[in-house]
Amino acid sequence: MRILGHHGVDHSVDGRKPGAPAHASRAIHLSARQIVDTTAPYEFVSKMRASFWVIAPLLARVGEAKVSLPGGCAIGTRPVDLLIMVLEKLGAQVEIEAGYVNATAAKGLTGAEIHFPKVTVGGTHTALMAASLARGHTLLVNAAREPEIIDLADCLIKMGAKIKGAGQSTVEIEGVGSLSGARHIVLPDRIEAGTYAMAVAMAGGDVMLEGASPSLLDSAIEAIEKTGAEISTTNEGIRVRRNGAGLSPVDITTAPFPAFRPICKPSSWP
């Protein structure tokens, strides 16, 4: 909200209402009637890597954006070259100078066919936001398929975007002249939920993860259950239990979503 406020977005946060569950009690109202600053300085972008993504809506809406490079990441190098590639494919002129990405599209963005050399969540997010306001048709090939991609597309569609195929490897976007406001419920964070579920499996005990969505965690739940933890789902969320018995090792193969799967036969320690 701090970085959006810097660009001129007004925001307010509702308090918890009577009877509302704690995990669903906060509503944020955003009003972006006028963009007053198209620069996203390092002091903001460095706090949260995803802040770099403001480059797409700024560029698509007002034709220019100056956004700090996000720098390194605690889990390794995560460059933004594919995000920049998306903007250039859509007709933007991009220069990198003194740690900032300067992108301009004085006459607006134009739809294009974009082939991702590897699956990228940030690149797909960037393409969805930028192409929604680009002139003409955009085709994304080898797009990311995460639930968050579908969620963003659903929100954009509510705002007036024309998107087909979100959640599949090939996505089509037909640009529109403008977007409007909408009401949207954001997905519960599956990475946070999965992390807490694994923590319970490690430490033992009985924890209810209120508001977590089992449908977003099928593979993770399967893997955790193979270790010996007990998982049950209710209308409230996901309940994870381990009564103190030892954990069994399990082999897991990983790849871009949805290819996160436990191997059928658990491994044994050497």
Protein backbone atom coordinates (compact mmCIF):
# COMPACT_ATOMS: atom_id res chain seq x y z
CA MET A 1 0.00 0.00 0.00
CA ARG A 2 2.94 2.31 0.64
CA ILE A 3 4.23 2.01 -2.92
CA LEU A 4 0.73 2.45 -4.38
CA GLY A 5 0.25 5.54 -2.24
CA HIS A 6 3.50 6.91 -3.65
CA HIS A 7 1.97 6.66 -7.15
CA GLY A 8 -1.17 8.52 -6.04
CA VAL A 9 -3.46 5.66 -5.08
CA ASP A 10 -5.79 6.42 -2.16
CA HIS A 11 -6.45 3.51 0.15
CA SER A 12 -8.33 2.68 3.32
CA VAL A 13 -8.64 -0.48 5.39
CA ASP A 14 -11.88 -1.68 6.97
CA GLY A 15 -11.79 -3.07 10.49
CA ARG A 16 -13.14 -6.44 11.47
CA LYS A 17 -16.93 -6.73 11.35
CA PRO A 18 -19.14 -8.57 13.89
CA GLY A 19 -19.18 -12.29 13.23
CA ALA A 20 -16.47 -12.14 10.57
CA PRO A 21 -13.73 -14.78 10.88
CA ALA A 22 -10.28 -13.40 11.62
CA HIS A 23 -8.85 -14.64 8.32
CA ALA A 24 -11.49 -12.84 6.26
CA SER A 25 -12.00 -9.66 8.24
CA ARG A 26 -10.01 -7.06 6.33
CA ALA A 27 -11.12 -5.22 3.20
CA ILE A 28 -8.86 -2.74 1.42
CA HIS A 29 -10.40 0.00 -0.71
CA LEU A 30 -8.16 1.38 -3.48
CA SER A 31 -8.85 4.39 -5.67
CA ALA A 32 -6.44 5.10 -8.54
CA ARG A 33 -8.24 7.94 -10.31
CA GLN A 34 -5.00 9.80 -11.01
CA ILE A 35 -1.38 8.67 -11.18
CA VAL A 36 0.84 11.46 -9.85
CA ASP A 37 4.25 9.78 -9.94
CA THR A 38 5.55 7.07 -12.29
CA THR A 39 8.79 6.39 -10.41
CA ALA A 40 9.05 3.47 -7.98
CA PRO A 41 12.18 4.20 -5.91
CA TYR A 42 14.56 1.59 -4.53
CA GLU A 43 13.50 2.29 -0.93
CA PHE A 44 10.11 0.77 -1.77
CA VAL A 45 10.98 -1.87 -4.35
CA SER A 46 13.76 -3.30 -2.16
CA LYS A 47 11.26 -4.06 0.62
CA MET A 48 9.27 -6.54 -1.47
CA ARG A 49 10.47 -7.99 -4.75
CA ALA A 50 6.99 -8.13 -6.30
CA SER A 51 6.86 -4.32 -6.10
CA PHE A 52 8.77 -4.35 -9.40
CA TRP A 53 5.52 -5.51 -11.04
CA VAL A 54 4.10 -1.97 -10.86
CA ILE A 55 6.06 -1.33 -14.04
CA ALA A 56 3.41 -3.06 -16.18
CA PRO A 57 0.26 -1.20 -15.06
CA LEU A 58 2.10 2.14 -14.96
CA LEU A 59 3.46 1.70 -18.46
CA ALA A 60 0.16 0.43 -19.87
CA ARG A 61 -1.89 3.22 -18.33
CA VAL A 62 0.26 6.33 -18.63
CA GLY A 63 2.95 5.30 -21.12
CA GLU A 64 5.96 5.54 -18.85
CA ALA A 65 7.50 3.99 -15.75
CA LYS A 66 10.80 4.24 -13.91
CA VAL A 67 11.19 1.35 -11.49
CA SER A 68 14.19 0.36 -9.41
CA LEU A 69 15.74 -3.02 -10.06
CA PRO A 70 14.78 -5.21 -7.09
CA GLY A 71 18.28 -6.55 -6.48
CA GLY A 72 19.00 -9.97 -5.04
CA CYS A 73 16.71 -12.39 -3.27
CA ALA A 74 17.12 -14.51 -0.15
CA ILE A 75 16.44 -17.70 -2.12
CA GLY A 76 18.85 -16.95 -4.95
CA THR A 77 19.25 -14.77 -8.01
CA ARG A 78 15.91 -13.96 -9.61
CA PRO A 79 16.46 -11.65 -12.58
CA VAL A 80 13.76 -9.58 -14.23
CA ASP A 81 14.99 -10.08 -17.79
CA LEU A 82 11.86 -11.98 -18.87
CA LEU A 83 9.61 -9.23 -17.47
CA ILE A 84 11.55 -6.69 -19.51
CA MET A 85 11.31 -8.97 -22.55
CA VAL A 86 7.51 -8.95 -22.22
CA LEU A 87 7.37 -5.15 -22.21
CA GLU A 88 9.67 -4.89 -25.23
CA LYS A 89 7.60 -7.45 -27.15
CA LEU A 90 4.56 -5.26 -26.50
CA GLY A 91 6.35 -2.27 -28.03
CA ALA A 92 7.95 -0.52 -25.05
CA GLN A 93 11.36 1.11 -25.22
CA VAL A 94 13.36 -0.03 -22.22
CA GLU A 95 16.66 1.23 -20.88
CA ILE A 96 18.48 0.31 -17.68
CA GLU A 97 20.43 3.12 -16.08
CA ALA A 98 21.83 3.59 -12.57
CA GLY A 99 19.88 0.68 -11.16
CA TYR A 100 16.54 1.74 -12.65
CA VAL A 101 14.48 0.34 -15.51
CA ASN A 102 13.15 3.17 -17.63
CA ALA A 103 10.26 2.05 -19.85
CA THR A 104 8.30 4.25 -22.25
CA ALA A 105 5.47 3.68 -24.70
CA ALA A 106 4.41 7.13 -25.82
CA LYS A 107 1.83 5.76 -28.27
CA GLY A 108 0.72 2.93 -26.02
CA LEU A 109 1.45 -0.79 -26.09
CA THR A 110 0.58 -3.14 -28.94
CA GLY A 111 -0.43 -6.78 -28.70
CA ALA A 112 2.13 -9.42 -29.65
CA GLU A 113 2.92 -13.13 -29.60
CA ILE A 114 5.15 -13.85 -26.62
CA HIS A 115 6.95 -17.18 -26.20
CA PHE A 116 8.46 -17.61 -22.74
CA PRO A 117 11.75 -19.55 -22.91
CA LYS A 118 10.96 -20.88 -19.44
CA VAL A 119 7.95 -20.73 -17.17
CA THR A 120 7.88 -17.46 -15.23
CA VAL A 121 5.23 -16.34 -12.77
CA GLY A 122 6.40 -12.73 -12.71
CA GLY A 123 6.64 -12.62 -16.49
CA THR A 124 3.12 -14.00 -16.89
CA HIS A 125 1.73 -11.54 -14.33
CA THR A 126 3.46 -8.69 -16.15
CA ALA A 127 2.12 -9.83 -19.52
CA LEU A 128 -1.46 -10.12 -18.25
CA MET A 129 -1.45 -6.62 -16.78
CA ALA A 130 0.32 -4.92 -19.67
CA ALA A 131 -1.51 -6.72 -22.50
CA SER A 132 -4.92 -6.02 -20.97
CA LEU A 133 -4.49 -2.37 -21.99
CA ALA A 134 -2.48 -2.97 -25.18
CA ARG A 135 -4.01 -2.45 -28.62
CA GLY A 136 -4.94 -5.69 -30.31
CA HIS A 137 -4.38 -9.35 -29.56
CA THR A 138 -1.69 -10.91 -27.37
CA LEU A 139 -0.81 -14.60 -27.24
CA LEU A 140 1.25 -16.03 -24.37
CA VAL A 141 2.96 -19.37 -24.99
CA ASN A 142 4.48 -21.42 -22.13
CA ALA A 143 2.72 -19.20 -19.58
CA ALA A 144 2.81 -19.95 -15.85
CA ARG A 145 -0.20 -21.91 -14.57
CA GLU A 146 -0.22 -21.13 -10.83
CA PRO A 147 -3.53 -20.44 -9.05
CA GLU A 148 -2.32 -16.86 -8.54
CA ILE A 149 -2.21 -16.43 -12.33
CA ILE A 150 -5.86 -17.47 -12.53
CA ASP A 151 -6.71 -15.17 -9.61
CA LEU A 152 -5.09 -12.14 -11.25
CA ALA A 153 -6.86 -12.90 -14.52
CA ASP A 154 -10.20 -13.23 -12.71
CA CYS A 155 -9.67 -9.83 -11.08
CA LEU A 156 -8.69 -8.21 -14.39
CA ILE A 157 -11.74 -9.74 -16.11
CA LYS A 158 -13.97 -8.24 -13.41
CA MET A 159 -12.35 -4.89 -14.22
CA GLY A 160 -13.17 -5.27 -17.91
CA ALA A 161 -10.18 -7.15 -19.37
CA LYS A 162 -10.65 -9.84 -22.02
CA ILE A 163 -8.56 -12.89 -21.10
CA LYS A 164 -8.95 -16.53 -22.14
CA GLY A 165 -7.01 -19.56 -20.97
CA ALA A 166 -5.54 -18.36 -17.67
CA GLY A 167 -4.20 -21.40 -15.82
CA GLN A 168 -3.21 -23.08 -19.09
CA SER A 169 0.07 -22.94 -20.96
CA THR A 170 -1.43 -20.79 -23.71
CA VAL A 171 -3.27 -17.58 -22.81
CA GLU A 172 -4.97 -15.05 -25.08
CA ILE A 173 -5.60 -11.41 -24.22
CA GLU A 174 -7.58 -8.92 -26.28
CA GLY A 175 -6.65 -5.40 -25.26
CA VAL A 176 -9.30 -2.94 -24.07
CA GLY A 177 -9.27 0.85 -23.91
CA SER A 178 -9.62 1.13 -20.13
CA LEU A 179 -10.36 -0.83 -16.97
CA SER A 180 -12.82 -0.04 -14.20
CA GLY A 181 -13.11 -0.84 -10.51
CA ALA A 182 -14.16 -4.21 -9.11
CA ARG A 183 -14.62 -6.19 -5.93
CA HIS A 184 -12.32 -9.18 -5.57
CA ILE A 185 -11.48 -11.69 -2.85
CA VAL A 186 -7.80 -12.61 -2.99
CA LEU A 187 -6.79 -16.27 -2.80
CA PRO A 188 -5.51 -17.51 0.55
CA ASP A 189 -1.72 -17.80 0.44
CA ARG A 190 -0.97 -21.44 -0.35
CA ILE A 191 2.79 -21.11 0.30
CA GLU A 192 2.19 -19.74 3.80
CA ALA A 193 -0.44 -22.42 4.48
CA GLY A 194 1.87 -25.18 3.23
CA THR A 195 4.74 -23.86 5.33
CA TYR A 196 2.65 -23.89 8.51
CA ALA A 197 1.36 -27.37 7.70
CA MET A 198 4.93 -28.64 7.38
CA ALA A 199 5.88 -26.91 10.63
CA VAL A 200 3.14 -28.82 12.46
CA ALA A 201 4.35 -32.07 10.90
CA MET A 202 7.86 -31.28 12.17
CA ALA A 203 6.97 -30.14 15.67
CA GLY A 204 3.91 -32.27 16.41
CA GLY A 205 0.63 -31.06 17.84
CA ASP A 206 -2.76 -30.14 16.43
CA VAL A 207 -3.31 -26.94 14.43
CA MET A 208 -6.25 -25.60 12.42
CA LEU A 209 -5.16 -23.39 9.52
CA GLU A 210 -8.26 -21.23 9.24
CA GLY A 211 -9.10 -20.03 5.76
CA ALA A 212 -6.54 -22.24 3.99
CA SER A 213 -7.83 -23.78 0.76
CA PRO A 214 -7.29 -27.55 0.35
CA SER A 215 -7.87 -27.34 -3.41
CA LEU A 216 -4.74 -25.19 -3.75
CA LEU A 217 -2.56 -27.63 -1.79
CA ASP A 218 -3.40 -31.08 -3.15
CA SER A 219 0.19 -32.09 -3.90
CA ALA A 220 1.64 -30.60 -0.71
CA ILE A 221 -1.03 -32.30 1.41
CA GLU A 222 -0.28 -35.63 -0.27
CA ALA A 223 3.43 -35.24 0.44
CA ILE A 224 2.89 -34.26 4.09
CA GLU A 225 0.53 -37.17 4.67
CA LYS A 226 3.17 -39.60 3.36
CA THR A 227 5.47 -38.45 6.17
CA GLY A 228 2.94 -39.68 8.73
CA ALA A 229 1.14 -36.48 9.65
CA GLU A 230 -2.66 -36.52 9.59
CA ILE A 231 -4.46 -33.90 7.53
CA SER A 232 -8.20 -33.30 7.38
CA THR A 233 -10.16 -30.57 5.64
CA THR A 234 -13.24 -28.77 6.91
CA ASN A 235 -15.28 -25.72 5.97
CA GLU A 236 -12.97 -23.73 8.24
CA GLY A 237 -9.72 -24.72 6.55
CA ILE A 238 -7.05 -27.40 6.96
CA ARG A 239 -6.34 -29.28 10.19
CA VAL A 240 -2.88 -30.79 10.63
CA ARG A 241 -2.02 -33.24 13.43
CA ARG A 242 0.93 -35.37 14.50
CA ASN A 243 0.80 -37.26 17.77
CA GLY A 244 4.54 -37.50 18.39
CA ALA A 245 5.32 -40.54 16.28
CA GLY A 246 8.38 -40.37 14.05
CA LEU A 247 8.26 -38.97 10.56
CA SER A 248 8.78 -41.11 7.49
CA PRO A 249 11.05 -39.81 4.72
CA VAL A 250 9.50 -39.13 1.34
CA ASP A 251 10.99 -38.29 -2.04
CA ILE A 252 9.50 -35.38 -3.96
CA THR A 253 9.98 -34.23 -7.54
CA THR A 254 9.63 -30.53 -8.24
CA ALA A 255 9.08 -28.55 -11.43
CA PRO A 256 7.00 -25.52 -12.44
CA PHE A 257 3.41 -25.74 -11.20
CA PRO A 258 1.58 -28.09 -11.11
CA ALA A 259 4.47 -30.59 -11.20
CA PHE A 260 5.15 -30.92 -7.47
CA ARG A 261 4.59 -34.56 -6.61
CA PRO A 262 5.70 -37.06 -3.98
CA ILE A 263 7.27 -40.16 -5.52
CA CYS A 264 4.94 -43.12 -5.01
CA LYS A 265 7.32 -45.22 -2.91
CA PRO A 266 8.86 -43.33 0.06
CA SER A 267 12.64 -43.53 0.23
CA SER A 268 14.55 -45.12 3.06
CA TRP A 269 17.56 -43.64 4.75
CA PRO A 270 20.90 -45.18 3.79
